[in-house]
Amino acid sequence: MNRNHPNRKNRLRREYMPPYVVLEESKEVLFFMESGMGYLAIGAFMKKFPEGYKGLRCRNRETFIKYGGKL
């Protein structure tokens, strides 16, 4: 994409958050990511949660649902 393309800003500013479950008792946020390198963005996702919470990646659909996740 051209550096000066009019849609460049909008494309880069899109916010995507994968499905997640907040585990209050253990202060963890469980993100569902089956594959890919999305786990590298967990640090950016965690900025939307209170300080002290830890971000974890879950690759298994059944495990995510067991913790209360909805897909």
PDB file of N, CA and C in Angstrom:
ATOM      1  N   MET A   1       0.856  -1.169   0.000  1.00  0.00           N
ATOM      2  CA  MET A   1       0.000   0.000   0.000  1.00  0.00           C
ATOM      3  C   MET A   1       0.902   1.231   0.000  1.00  0.00           C
ATOM      4  N   ASN A   2       0.520   2.185  -0.787  1.00  0.00           N
ATOM      5  CA  ASN A   2       1.264   3.428  -0.899  1.00  0.00           C
ATOM      6  C   ASN A   2       1.275   4.156   0.442  1.00  0.00           C
ATOM      7  N   ARG A   3       2.405   4.758   0.755  1.00  0.00           N
ATOM      8  CA  ARG A   3       2.556   5.472   2.025  1.00  0.00           C
ATOM      9  C   ARG A   3       1.530   6.592   2.184  1.00  0.00           C
ATOM     10  N   ASN A   4       1.137   7.218   1.083  1.00  0.00           N
ATOM     11  CA  ASN A   4       0.206   8.342   1.141  1.00  0.00           C
ATOM     12  C   ASN A   4      -1.237   7.946   0.823  1.00  0.00           C
ATOM     13  N   HIS A   5      -1.533   6.684   0.795  1.00  0.00           N
ATOM     14  CA  HIS A   5      -2.881   6.216   0.480  1.00  0.00           C
ATOM     15  C   HIS A   5      -3.853   6.705   1.559  1.00  0.00           C
ATOM     16  N   PRO A   6      -5.049   7.181   1.171  1.00  0.00           N
ATOM     17  CA  PRO A   6      -5.976   7.763   2.160  1.00  0.00           C
ATOM     18  C   PRO A   6      -6.489   6.768   3.208  1.00  0.00           C
ATOM     19  N   ASN A   7      -6.530   5.486   2.903  1.00  0.00           N
ATOM     20  CA  ASN A   7      -7.038   4.503   3.857  1.00  0.00           C
ATOM     21  C   ASN A   7      -5.955   3.966   4.777  1.00  0.00           C
ATOM     22  N   ARG A   8      -4.728   4.398   4.609  1.00  0.00           N
ATOM     23  CA  ARG A   8      -3.629   3.864   5.415  1.00  0.00           C
ATOM     24  C   ARG A   8      -3.839   4.118   6.908  1.00  0.00           C
ATOM     25  N   LYS A   9      -4.225   5.331   7.280  1.00  0.00           N
ATOM     26  CA  LYS A   9      -4.426   5.647   8.696  1.00  0.00           C
ATOM     27  C   LYS A   9      -5.521   4.777   9.301  1.00  0.00           C
ATOM     28  N   ASN A  10      -6.639   4.667   8.606  1.00  0.00           N
ATOM     29  CA  ASN A  10      -7.753   3.882   9.133  1.00  0.00           C
ATOM     30  C   ASN A  10      -7.380   2.416   9.276  1.00  0.00           C
ATOM     31  N   ARG A  11      -6.623   1.906   8.333  1.00  0.00           N
ATOM     32  CA  ARG A  11      -6.235   0.502   8.387  1.00  0.00           C
ATOM     33  C   ARG A  11      -5.330   0.244   9.580  1.00  0.00           C
ATOM     34  N   LEU A  12      -4.432   1.150   9.875  1.00  0.00           N
ATOM     35  CA  LEU A  12      -3.502   0.961  10.972  1.00  0.00           C
ATOM     36  C   LEU A  12      -4.138   1.225  12.336  1.00  0.00           C
ATOM     37  N   ARG A  13      -5.228   1.947  12.383  1.00  0.00           N
ATOM     38  CA  ARG A  13      -5.853   2.295  13.654  1.00  0.00           C
ATOM     39  C   ARG A  13      -6.952   1.327  14.067  1.00  0.00           C
ATOM     40  N   ARG A  14      -7.251   0.358  13.234  1.00  0.00           N
ATOM     41  CA  ARG A  14      -8.285  -0.603  13.615  1.00  0.00           C
ATOM     42  C   ARG A  14      -7.864  -1.310  14.887  1.00  0.00           C
ATOM     43  N   GLU A  15      -8.801  -1.451  15.763  1.00  0.00           N
ATOM     44  CA  GLU A  15      -8.503  -2.145  17.008  1.00  0.00           C
ATOM     45  C   GLU A  15      -9.173  -3.502  16.980  1.00  0.00           C
ATOM     46  N   TYR A  16      -8.394  -4.519  17.172  1.00  0.00           N
ATOM     47  CA  TYR A  16      -8.896  -5.880  17.219  1.00  0.00           C
ATOM     48  C   TYR A  16      -8.519  -6.476  18.562  1.00  0.00           C
ATOM     49  N   MET A  17      -9.473  -7.117  19.188  1.00  0.00           N
ATOM     50  CA  MET A  17      -9.215  -7.801  20.450  1.00  0.00           C
ATOM     51  C   MET A  17      -9.772  -9.213  20.284  1.00  0.00           C
ATOM     52  N   PRO A  18      -8.929 -10.224  20.436  1.00  0.00           N
ATOM     53  CA  PRO A  18      -9.431 -11.601  20.322  1.00  0.00           C
ATOM     54  C   PRO A  18     -10.383 -11.917  21.474  1.00  0.00           C
ATOM     55  N   PRO A  19     -11.151 -12.989  21.356  1.00  0.00           N
ATOM     56  CA  PRO A  19     -12.028 -13.377  22.472  1.00  0.00           C
ATOM     57  C   PRO A  19     -11.203 -13.585  23.740  1.00  0.00           C
ATOM     58  N   TYR A  20     -11.753 -13.148  24.878  1.00  0.00           N
ATOM     59  CA  TYR A  20     -11.000 -13.262  26.121  1.00  0.00           C
ATOM     60  C   TYR A  20     -11.933 -13.508  27.296  1.00  0.00           C
ATOM     61  N   VAL A  21     -11.342 -14.018  28.375  1.00  0.00           N
ATOM     62  CA  VAL A  21     -12.051 -14.260  29.634  1.00  0.00           C
ATOM     63  C   VAL A  21     -11.202 -13.658  30.737  1.00  0.00           C
ATOM     64  N   VAL A  22     -11.828 -12.889  31.630  1.00  0.00           N
ATOM     65  CA  VAL A  22     -11.119 -12.315  32.768  1.00  0.00           C
ATOM     66  C   VAL A  22     -11.337 -13.227  33.976  1.00  0.00           C
ATOM     67  N   LEU A  23     -10.243 -13.733  34.518  1.00  0.00           N
ATOM     68  CA  LEU A  23     -10.293 -14.588  35.703  1.00  0.00           C
ATOM     69  C   LEU A  23      -9.955 -13.704  36.907  1.00  0.00           C
ATOM     70  N   GLU A  24     -10.991 -13.247  37.602  1.00  0.00           N
ATOM     71  CA  GLU A  24     -10.832 -12.276  38.687  1.00  0.00           C
ATOM     72  C   GLU A  24     -10.008 -12.823  39.848  1.00  0.00           C
ATOM     73  N   GLU A  25     -10.270 -14.069  40.260  1.00  0.00           N
ATOM     74  CA  GLU A  25      -9.615 -14.606  41.452  1.00  0.00           C
ATOM     75  C   GLU A  25      -8.108 -14.757  41.284  1.00  0.00           C
ATOM     76  N   SER A  26      -7.654 -15.057  40.072  1.00  0.00           N
ATOM     77  CA  SER A  26      -6.209 -15.215  39.853  1.00  0.00           C
ATOM     78  C   SER A  26      -5.592 -14.009  39.142  1.00  0.00           C
ATOM     79  N   LYS A  27      -6.394 -12.994  38.860  1.00  0.00           N
ATOM     80  CA  LYS A  27      -5.955 -11.779  38.163  1.00  0.00           C
ATOM     81  C   LYS A  27      -5.242 -12.117  36.860  1.00  0.00           C
ATOM     82  N   GLU A  28      -5.941 -12.901  36.024  1.00  0.00           N
ATOM     83  CA  GLU A  28      -5.420 -13.297  34.719  1.00  0.00           C
ATOM     84  C   GLU A  28      -6.463 -13.019  33.649  1.00  0.00           C
ATOM     85  N   VAL A  29      -5.979 -12.749  32.447  1.00  0.00           N
ATOM     86  CA  VAL A  29      -6.850 -12.579  31.290  1.00  0.00           C
ATOM     87  C   VAL A  29      -6.444 -13.649  30.291  1.00  0.00           C
ATOM     88  N   LEU A  30      -7.384 -14.493  29.918  1.00  0.00           N
ATOM     89  CA  LEU A  30      -7.129 -15.612  29.020  1.00  0.00           C
ATOM     90  C   LEU A  30      -7.610 -15.240  27.624  1.00  0.00           C
ATOM     91  N   PHE A  31      -6.690 -15.139  26.664  1.00  0.00           N
ATOM     92  CA  PHE A  31      -7.007 -14.797  25.280  1.00  0.00           C
ATOM     93  C   PHE A  31      -7.046 -16.069  24.443  1.00  0.00           C
ATOM     94  N   PHE A  32      -8.045 -16.193  23.565  1.00  0.00           N
ATOM     95  CA  PHE A  32      -8.138 -17.356  22.685  1.00  0.00           C
ATOM     96  C   PHE A  32      -7.474 -17.033  21.361  1.00  0.00           C
ATOM     97  N   MET A  33      -6.351 -17.705  21.088  1.00  0.00           N
ATOM     98  CA  MET A  33      -5.618 -17.555  19.829  1.00  0.00           C
ATOM     99  C   MET A  33      -5.157 -18.940  19.407  1.00  0.00           C
ATOM    100  N   GLU A  34      -5.807 -19.488  18.389  1.00  0.00           N
ATOM    101  CA  GLU A  34      -5.479 -20.845  17.965  1.00  0.00           C
ATOM    102  C   GLU A  34      -4.110 -20.926  17.297  1.00  0.00           C
ATOM    103  N   SER A  35      -3.802 -19.978  16.450  1.00  0.00           N
ATOM    104  CA  SER A  35      -2.537 -20.045  15.734  1.00  0.00           C
ATOM    105  C   SER A  35      -2.069 -18.640  15.384  1.00  0.00           C
ATOM    106  N   GLY A  36      -0.937 -18.570  14.780  1.00  0.00           N
ATOM    107  CA  GLY A  36      -0.406 -17.288  14.356  1.00  0.00           C
ATOM    108  C   GLY A  36       0.458 -16.641  15.426  1.00  0.00           C
ATOM    109  N   MET A  37       0.831 -15.416  15.157  1.00  0.00           N
ATOM    110  CA  MET A  37       1.726 -14.708  16.063  1.00  0.00           C
ATOM    111  C   MET A  37       0.995 -13.629  16.838  1.00  0.00           C
ATOM    112  N   GLY A  38      -0.288 -13.775  17.008  1.00  0.00           N
ATOM    113  CA  GLY A  38      -1.090 -12.800  17.744  1.00  0.00           C
ATOM    114  C   GLY A  38      -0.664 -12.660  19.187  1.00  0.00           C
ATOM    115  N   TYR A  39      -0.025 -13.693  19.724  1.00  0.00           N
ATOM    116  CA  TYR A  39       0.403 -13.631  21.123  1.00  0.00           C
ATOM    117  C   TYR A  39       1.427 -12.535  21.352  1.00  0.00           C
ATOM    118  N   LEU A  40       2.072 -12.063  20.306  1.00  0.00           N
ATOM    119  CA  LEU A  40       3.033 -10.963  20.455  1.00  0.00           C
ATOM    120  C   LEU A  40       2.332  -9.662  20.831  1.00  0.00           C
ATOM    121  N   ALA A  41       1.041  -9.567  20.566  1.00  0.00           N
ATOM    122  CA  ALA A  41       0.284  -8.343  20.858  1.00  0.00           C
ATOM    123  C   ALA A  41      -0.375  -8.380  22.232  1.00  0.00           C
ATOM    124  N   ILE A  42      -0.173  -9.430  23.007  1.00  0.00           N
ATOM    125  CA  ILE A  42      -0.822  -9.523  24.312  1.00  0.00           C
ATOM    126  C   ILE A  42      -0.452  -8.333  25.189  1.00  0.00           C
ATOM    127  N   GLY A  43       0.774  -7.863  25.102  1.00  0.00           N
ATOM    128  CA  GLY A  43       1.184  -6.691  25.879  1.00  0.00           C
ATOM    129  C   GLY A  43       0.340  -5.467  25.558  1.00  0.00           C
ATOM    130  N   ALA A  44       0.038  -5.281  24.278  1.00  0.00           N
ATOM    131  CA  ALA A  44      -0.803  -4.145  23.875  1.00  0.00           C
ATOM    132  C   ALA A  44      -2.242  -4.340  24.339  1.00  0.00           C
ATOM    133  N   PHE A  45      -2.737  -5.581  24.274  1.00  0.00           N
ATOM    134  CA  PHE A  45      -4.101  -5.857  24.739  1.00  0.00           C
ATOM    135  C   PHE A  45      -4.225  -5.603  26.238  1.00  0.00           C
ATOM    136  N   MET A  46      -3.185  -5.896  26.981  1.00  0.00           N
ATOM    137  CA  MET A  46      -3.239  -5.786  28.439  1.00  0.00           C
ATOM    138  C   MET A  46      -3.317  -4.337  28.923  1.00  0.00           C
ATOM    139  N   LYS A  47      -3.043  -3.381  28.066  1.00  0.00           N
ATOM    140  CA  LYS A  47      -3.153  -1.968  28.449  1.00  0.00           C
ATOM    141  C   LYS A  47      -4.597  -1.584  28.730  1.00  0.00           C
ATOM    142  N   LYS A  48      -5.544  -2.400  28.262  1.00  0.00           N
ATOM    143  CA  LYS A  48      -6.962  -2.118  28.474  1.00  0.00           C
ATOM    144  C   LYS A  48      -7.489  -2.723  29.772  1.00  0.00           C
ATOM    145  N   PHE A  49      -6.637  -3.415  30.504  1.00  0.00           N
ATOM    146  CA  PHE A  49      -7.040  -4.061  31.752  1.00  0.00           C
ATOM    147  C   PHE A  49      -6.306  -3.413  32.918  1.00  0.00           C
ATOM    148  N   PRO A  50      -6.818  -3.566  34.134  1.00  0.00           N
ATOM    149  CA  PRO A  50      -6.177  -2.955  35.304  1.00  0.00           C
ATOM    150  C   PRO A  50      -4.750  -3.465  35.523  1.00  0.00           C
ATOM    151  N   GLU A  51      -3.972  -2.655  36.174  1.00  0.00           N
ATOM    152  CA  GLU A  51      -2.581  -3.001  36.510  1.00  0.00           C
ATOM    153  C   GLU A  51      -2.577  -4.248  37.402  1.00  0.00           C
ATOM    154  N   GLY A  52      -1.625  -5.111  37.180  1.00  0.00           N
ATOM    155  CA  GLY A  52      -1.485  -6.310  37.994  1.00  0.00           C
ATOM    156  C   GLY A  52      -2.085  -7.559  37.369  1.00  0.00           C
ATOM    157  N   TYR A  53      -2.839  -7.413  36.281  1.00  0.00           N
ATOM    158  CA  TYR A  53      -3.398  -8.575  35.603  1.00  0.00           C
ATOM    159  C   TYR A  53      -2.364  -9.146  34.637  1.00  0.00           C
ATOM    160  N   LYS A  54      -2.394 -10.451  34.463  1.00  0.00           N
ATOM    161  CA  LYS A  54      -1.432 -11.152  33.622  1.00  0.00           C
ATOM    162  C   LYS A  54      -2.166 -11.710  32.404  1.00  0.00           C
ATOM    163  N   GLY A  55      -1.603 -11.549  31.215  1.00  0.00           N
ATOM    164  CA  GLY A  55      -2.212 -12.052  29.990  1.00  0.00           C
ATOM    165  C   GLY A  55      -1.686 -13.428  29.626  1.00  0.00           C
ATOM    166  N   LEU A  56      -2.599 -14.335  29.318  1.00  0.00           N
ATOM    167  CA  LEU A  56      -2.238 -15.697  28.930  1.00  0.00           C
ATOM    168  C   LEU A  56      -2.909 -16.050  27.608  1.00  0.00           C
ATOM    169  N   ARG A  57      -2.262 -16.910  26.837  1.00  0.00           N
ATOM    170  CA  ARG A  57      -2.823 -17.348  25.571  1.00  0.00           C
ATOM    171  C   ARG A  57      -3.351 -18.769  25.705  1.00  0.00           C
ATOM    172  N   CYS A  58      -4.535 -18.999  25.160  1.00  0.00           N
ATOM    173  CA  CYS A  58      -5.138 -20.324  25.154  1.00  0.00           C
ATOM    174  C   CYS A  58      -5.311 -20.744  23.699  1.00  0.00           C
ATOM    175  N   ARG A  59      -4.767 -21.902  23.329  1.00  0.00           N
ATOM    176  CA  ARG A  59      -4.857 -22.381  21.956  1.00  0.00           C
ATOM    177  C   ARG A  59      -5.958 -23.414  21.765  1.00  0.00           C
ATOM    178  N   ASN A  60      -6.449 -23.994  22.845  1.00  0.00           N
ATOM    179  CA  ASN A  60      -7.430 -25.067  22.764  1.00  0.00           C
ATOM    180  C   ASN A  60      -8.835 -24.515  22.996  1.00  0.00           C
ATOM    181  N   ARG A  61      -9.722 -24.761  22.052  1.00  0.00           N
ATOM    182  CA  ARG A  61     -11.096 -24.252  22.114  1.00  0.00           C
ATOM    183  C   ARG A  61     -11.847 -24.774  23.340  1.00  0.00           C
ATOM    184  N   GLU A  62     -11.700 -26.059  23.656  1.00  0.00           N
ATOM    185  CA  GLU A  62     -12.417 -26.647  24.789  1.00  0.00           C
ATOM    186  C   GLU A  62     -11.947 -26.051  26.118  1.00  0.00           C
ATOM    187  N   THR A  63     -10.655 -25.823  26.240  1.00  0.00           N
ATOM    188  CA  THR A  63     -10.115 -25.232  27.470  1.00  0.00           C
ATOM    189  C   THR A  63     -10.647 -23.812  27.651  1.00  0.00           C
ATOM    190  N   PHE A  64     -10.697 -23.057  26.562  1.00  0.00           N
ATOM    191  CA  PHE A  64     -11.196 -21.680  26.626  1.00  0.00           C
ATOM    192  C   PHE A  64     -12.658 -21.662  27.073  1.00  0.00           C
ATOM    193  N   ILE A  65     -13.457 -22.555  26.524  1.00  0.00           N
ATOM    194  CA  ILE A  65     -14.872 -22.634  26.885  1.00  0.00           C
ATOM    195  C   ILE A  65     -15.027 -23.089  28.333  1.00  0.00           C
ATOM    196  N   LYS A  66     -14.150 -23.992  28.787  1.00  0.00           N
ATOM    197  CA  LYS A  66     -14.208 -24.479  30.165  1.00  0.00           C
ATOM    198  C   LYS A  66     -14.040 -23.331  31.166  1.00  0.00           C
ATOM    199  N   TYR A  67     -13.225 -22.333  30.829  1.00  0.00           N
ATOM    200  CA  TYR A  67     -13.018 -21.187  31.714  1.00  0.00           C
ATOM    201  C   TYR A  67     -14.081 -20.115  31.570  1.00  0.00           C
ATOM    202  N   GLY A  68     -15.090 -20.361  30.722  1.00  0.00           N
ATOM    203  CA  GLY A  68     -16.202 -19.424  30.604  1.00  0.00           C
ATOM    204  C   GLY A  68     -16.173 -18.587  29.341  1.00  0.00           C
ATOM    205  N   GLY A  69     -15.300 -18.903  28.424  1.00  0.00           N
ATOM    206  CA  GLY A  69     -15.216 -18.144  27.174  1.00  0.00           C
ATOM    207  C   GLY A  69     -16.346 -18.464  26.237  1.00  0.00           C
ATOM    208  N   LYS A  70     -16.703 -17.499  25.421  1.00  0.00           N
ATOM    209  CA  LYS A  70     -17.752 -17.669  24.418  1.00  0.00           C
ATOM    210  C   LYS A  70     -17.178 -17.331  23.062  1.00  0.00           C
ATOM    211  N   LEU A  71     -17.381 -18.246  22.121  1.00  0.00           N
ATOM    212  CA  LEU A  71     -16.860 -18.036  20.758  1.00  0.00           C
ATOM    213  C   LEU A  71     -17.996 -17.841  19.778  1.00  0.00           C
TER     214      LEU A  71
END
